[in-house]
Amino acid sequence: MPARSKQQQKAAGAALAAKRGEIPKARLRGASRQMVESMTERELERMASVPRKSLPQRASSQSKSKSHNASKKKRAH
């Protein structure tokens, strides 16, 4: 799953560095701390590899609600 915003891409990069042992996990904060525990190295690589230039600073609330509604429809069927 590619990153949807610059912030998400940056957090994934920090979590990936910690997962690889390049930085201590204690330096992580917020989303990156959760990502390092809940995602595999491959998932983090995929999320962090998106070119930052093509991403908005923050994910829009519309994209969040669309994905949330899509997952609700999948569960209903």
N, C-alpha and C. Protein backbone atom coordinates (compact mmCIF):
# COMPACT_ATOMS: atom_id res chain seq x y z
N MET A 1 0.85 -1.17 0.00
CA MET A 1 0.00 0.00 0.00
C MET A 1 0.90 1.23 0.00
N PRO A 2 0.84 2.04 -1.04
CA PRO A 2 1.68 3.24 -1.09
C PRO A 2 1.17 4.33 -0.15
N ALA A 3 2.07 5.20 0.23
CA ALA A 3 1.71 6.30 1.12
C ALA A 3 0.74 7.25 0.41
N ARG A 4 -0.16 7.86 1.18
CA ARG A 4 -1.13 8.80 0.62
C ARG A 4 -0.76 10.25 0.90
N SER A 5 0.24 10.48 1.72
CA SER A 5 0.66 11.85 2.03
C SER A 5 2.14 11.88 2.34
N LYS A 6 2.71 13.08 2.32
CA LYS A 6 4.13 13.24 2.65
C LYS A 6 4.40 12.83 4.09
N GLN A 7 3.48 13.15 4.99
CA GLN A 7 3.65 12.79 6.39
C GLN A 7 3.68 11.28 6.57
N GLN A 8 2.79 10.59 5.88
CA GLN A 8 2.73 9.13 5.99
C GLN A 8 4.00 8.51 5.41
N GLN A 9 4.49 9.05 4.30
CA GLN A 9 5.70 8.55 3.67
C GLN A 9 6.91 8.75 4.57
N LYS A 10 6.96 9.90 5.22
CA LYS A 10 8.06 10.21 6.12
C LYS A 10 8.04 9.29 7.35
N ALA A 11 6.85 9.05 7.89
CA ALA A 11 6.71 8.17 9.05
C ALA A 11 7.11 6.74 8.69
N ALA A 12 6.74 6.30 7.49
CA ALA A 12 7.10 4.96 7.05
C ALA A 12 8.62 4.83 6.89
N GLY A 13 9.26 5.87 6.40
CA GLY A 13 10.71 5.86 6.26
C GLY A 13 11.42 5.76 7.60
N ALA A 14 10.92 6.49 8.58
CA ALA A 14 11.50 6.43 9.92
C ALA A 14 11.29 5.05 10.54
N ALA A 15 10.09 4.49 10.37
CA ALA A 15 9.80 3.17 10.92
C ALA A 15 10.68 2.11 10.24
N LEU A 16 10.90 2.26 8.94
CA LEU A 16 11.74 1.31 8.22
C LEU A 16 13.18 1.37 8.72
N ALA A 17 13.68 2.57 8.95
CA ALA A 17 15.04 2.73 9.48
C ALA A 17 15.18 2.07 10.85
N ALA A 18 14.16 2.22 11.68
CA ALA A 18 14.19 1.60 13.01
C ALA A 18 14.10 0.08 12.90
N LYS A 19 13.26 -0.40 12.00
CA LYS A 19 13.11 -1.84 11.82
C LYS A 19 14.42 -2.47 11.36
N ARG A 20 15.19 -1.74 10.56
CA ARG A 20 16.47 -2.23 10.06
C ARG A 20 17.60 -2.03 11.06
N GLY A 21 17.34 -1.31 12.15
CA GLY A 21 18.34 -1.08 13.17
C GLY A 21 19.24 0.12 12.91
N GLU A 22 18.87 0.96 11.94
CA GLU A 22 19.67 2.13 11.60
C GLU A 22 19.50 3.25 12.63
N ILE A 23 18.33 3.31 13.25
CA ILE A 23 18.07 4.26 14.34
C ILE A 23 17.39 3.50 15.47
N PRO A 24 17.54 3.96 16.70
CA PRO A 24 16.87 3.27 17.82
C PRO A 24 15.35 3.48 17.78
N LYS A 25 14.61 2.44 18.14
CA LYS A 25 13.15 2.54 18.16
C LYS A 25 12.67 3.59 19.15
N ALA A 26 13.46 3.88 20.16
CA ALA A 26 13.09 4.86 21.18
C ALA A 26 12.98 6.28 20.59
N ARG A 27 13.62 6.52 19.45
CA ARG A 27 13.55 7.85 18.82
C ARG A 27 12.26 8.06 18.05
N LEU A 28 11.50 7.02 17.81
CA LEU A 28 10.26 7.13 17.04
C LEU A 28 9.14 7.74 17.87
N ARG A 29 8.27 8.46 17.18
CA ARG A 29 7.10 9.06 17.83
C ARG A 29 5.88 8.89 16.94
N GLY A 30 4.72 8.91 17.55
CA GLY A 30 3.47 8.92 16.81
C GLY A 30 3.27 7.74 15.88
N ALA A 31 2.91 8.06 14.63
CA ALA A 31 2.56 7.04 13.66
C ALA A 31 3.72 6.10 13.35
N SER A 32 4.93 6.63 13.30
CA SER A 32 6.07 5.77 12.98
C SER A 32 6.30 4.71 14.05
N ARG A 33 6.03 5.05 15.30
CA ARG A 33 6.17 4.07 16.39
C ARG A 33 5.15 2.94 16.23
N GLN A 34 3.94 3.29 15.82
CA GLN A 34 2.92 2.26 15.60
C GLN A 34 3.24 1.42 14.37
N MET A 35 3.75 2.08 13.33
CA MET A 35 4.06 1.39 12.08
C MET A 35 5.15 0.33 12.28
N VAL A 36 6.17 0.65 13.04
CA VAL A 36 7.29 -0.28 13.21
C VAL A 36 6.83 -1.57 13.88
N GLU A 37 5.83 -1.49 14.73
CA GLU A 37 5.32 -2.67 15.43
C GLU A 37 4.30 -3.45 14.60
N SER A 38 3.52 -2.75 13.77
CA SER A 38 2.40 -3.40 13.10
C SER A 38 2.64 -3.78 11.65
N MET A 39 3.74 -3.31 11.04
CA MET A 39 3.96 -3.56 9.61
C MET A 39 5.27 -4.33 9.39
N THR A 40 5.31 -5.08 8.30
CA THR A 40 6.52 -5.80 7.95
C THR A 40 7.48 -4.85 7.24
N GLU A 41 8.72 -5.28 7.12
CA GLU A 41 9.73 -4.46 6.44
C GLU A 41 9.33 -4.22 4.98
N ARG A 42 8.78 -5.22 4.36
CA ARG A 42 8.36 -5.09 2.95
C ARG A 42 7.23 -4.07 2.80
N GLU A 43 6.26 -4.09 3.70
CA GLU A 43 5.17 -3.12 3.66
C GLU A 43 5.70 -1.70 3.87
N LEU A 44 6.63 -1.55 4.79
CA LEU A 44 7.22 -0.24 5.04
C LEU A 44 8.02 0.24 3.84
N GLU A 45 8.75 -0.66 3.19
CA GLU A 45 9.49 -0.29 1.99
C GLU A 45 8.56 0.23 0.91
N ARG A 46 7.46 -0.47 0.71
CA ARG A 46 6.49 -0.07 -0.32
C ARG A 46 5.90 1.30 -0.01
N MET A 47 5.59 1.53 1.25
CA MET A 47 4.99 2.81 1.64
C MET A 47 6.00 3.95 1.57
N ALA A 48 7.23 3.69 1.93
CA ALA A 48 8.25 4.74 1.96
C ALA A 48 8.82 5.04 0.58
N SER A 49 8.63 4.16 -0.39
CA SER A 49 9.27 4.32 -1.69
C SER A 49 8.52 5.25 -2.65
N VAL A 50 7.36 5.73 -2.29
CA VAL A 50 6.59 6.62 -3.15
C VAL A 50 7.32 7.96 -3.26
N PRO A 51 7.48 8.49 -4.49
CA PRO A 51 8.12 9.80 -4.62
C PRO A 51 7.33 10.88 -3.89
N ARG A 52 7.99 11.61 -3.05
CA ARG A 52 7.34 12.59 -2.21
C ARG A 52 6.73 13.73 -3.02
N LYS A 53 7.32 14.02 -4.16
CA LYS A 53 6.87 15.14 -4.98
C LYS A 53 5.40 14.98 -5.40
N SER A 54 4.96 13.76 -5.61
CA SER A 54 3.61 13.51 -6.10
C SER A 54 2.55 13.47 -4.99
N LEU A 55 2.96 13.63 -3.74
CA LEU A 55 2.03 13.48 -2.62
C LEU A 55 1.61 14.82 -2.02
N PRO A 56 0.37 14.91 -1.52
CA PRO A 56 -0.02 16.10 -0.77
C PRO A 56 0.63 16.07 0.62
N GLN A 57 0.68 17.22 1.28
CA GLN A 57 1.26 17.28 2.62
C GLN A 57 0.52 16.37 3.58
N ARG A 58 -0.80 16.42 3.53
CA ARG A 58 -1.65 15.57 4.38
C ARG A 58 -2.67 14.86 3.51
N ALA A 59 -3.09 13.70 3.92
CA ALA A 59 -4.14 12.98 3.20
C ALA A 59 -5.45 13.72 3.41
N SER A 60 -6.21 13.90 2.34
CA SER A 60 -7.47 14.62 2.45
C SER A 60 -8.49 13.76 3.18
N SER A 61 -9.45 14.40 3.79
CA SER A 61 -10.48 13.67 4.52
C SER A 61 -11.37 12.89 3.56
N GLN A 62 -11.48 13.34 2.30
CA GLN A 62 -12.28 12.62 1.32
C GLN A 62 -11.68 11.26 1.00
N SER A 63 -10.37 11.21 0.83
CA SER A 63 -9.76 9.92 0.50
C SER A 63 -9.90 8.95 1.67
N LYS A 64 -9.87 9.46 2.89
CA LYS A 64 -10.05 8.60 4.06
C LYS A 64 -11.46 8.05 4.09
N SER A 65 -12.46 8.92 3.84
CA SER A 65 -13.84 8.47 3.91
C SER A 65 -14.18 7.51 2.79
N LYS A 66 -13.58 7.70 1.60
CA LYS A 66 -13.83 6.78 0.49
C LYS A 66 -13.32 5.40 0.82
N SER A 67 -12.10 5.31 1.35
CA SER A 67 -11.56 4.00 1.68
C SER A 67 -12.33 3.36 2.83
N HIS A 68 -12.79 4.19 3.77
CA HIS A 68 -13.57 3.68 4.89
C HIS A 68 -14.90 3.13 4.40
N ASN A 69 -15.57 3.85 3.49
CA ASN A 69 -16.84 3.39 2.95
C ASN A 69 -16.66 2.13 2.11
N ALA A 70 -15.57 2.04 1.37
CA ALA A 70 -15.32 0.86 0.54
C ALA A 70 -15.14 -0.37 1.42
N SER A 71 -14.43 -0.21 2.53
CA SER A 71 -14.24 -1.36 3.41
C SER A 71 -15.54 -1.79 4.08
N LYS A 72 -16.43 -0.83 4.34
CA LYS A 72 -17.74 -1.18 4.90
C LYS A 72 -18.54 -2.00 3.91
N LYS A 73 -18.48 -1.61 2.62
CA LYS A 73 -19.23 -2.34 1.60
C LYS A 73 -18.70 -3.75 1.45
N LYS A 74 -17.38 -3.91 1.52
CA LYS A 74 -16.79 -5.23 1.40
C LYS A 74 -17.25 -6.16 2.51
N ARG A 75 -17.34 -5.62 3.73
CA ARG A 75 -17.75 -6.43 4.87
C ARG A 75 -19.22 -6.81 4.77
N ALA A 76 -20.05 -5.97 4.18
CA ALA A 76 -21.48 -6.22 4.10
C ALA A 76 -21.80 -7.38 3.16
N HIS A 77 -20.95 -7.61 2.17
CA HIS A 77 -21.23 -8.64 1.16
C HIS A 77 -20.66 -9.95 1.53
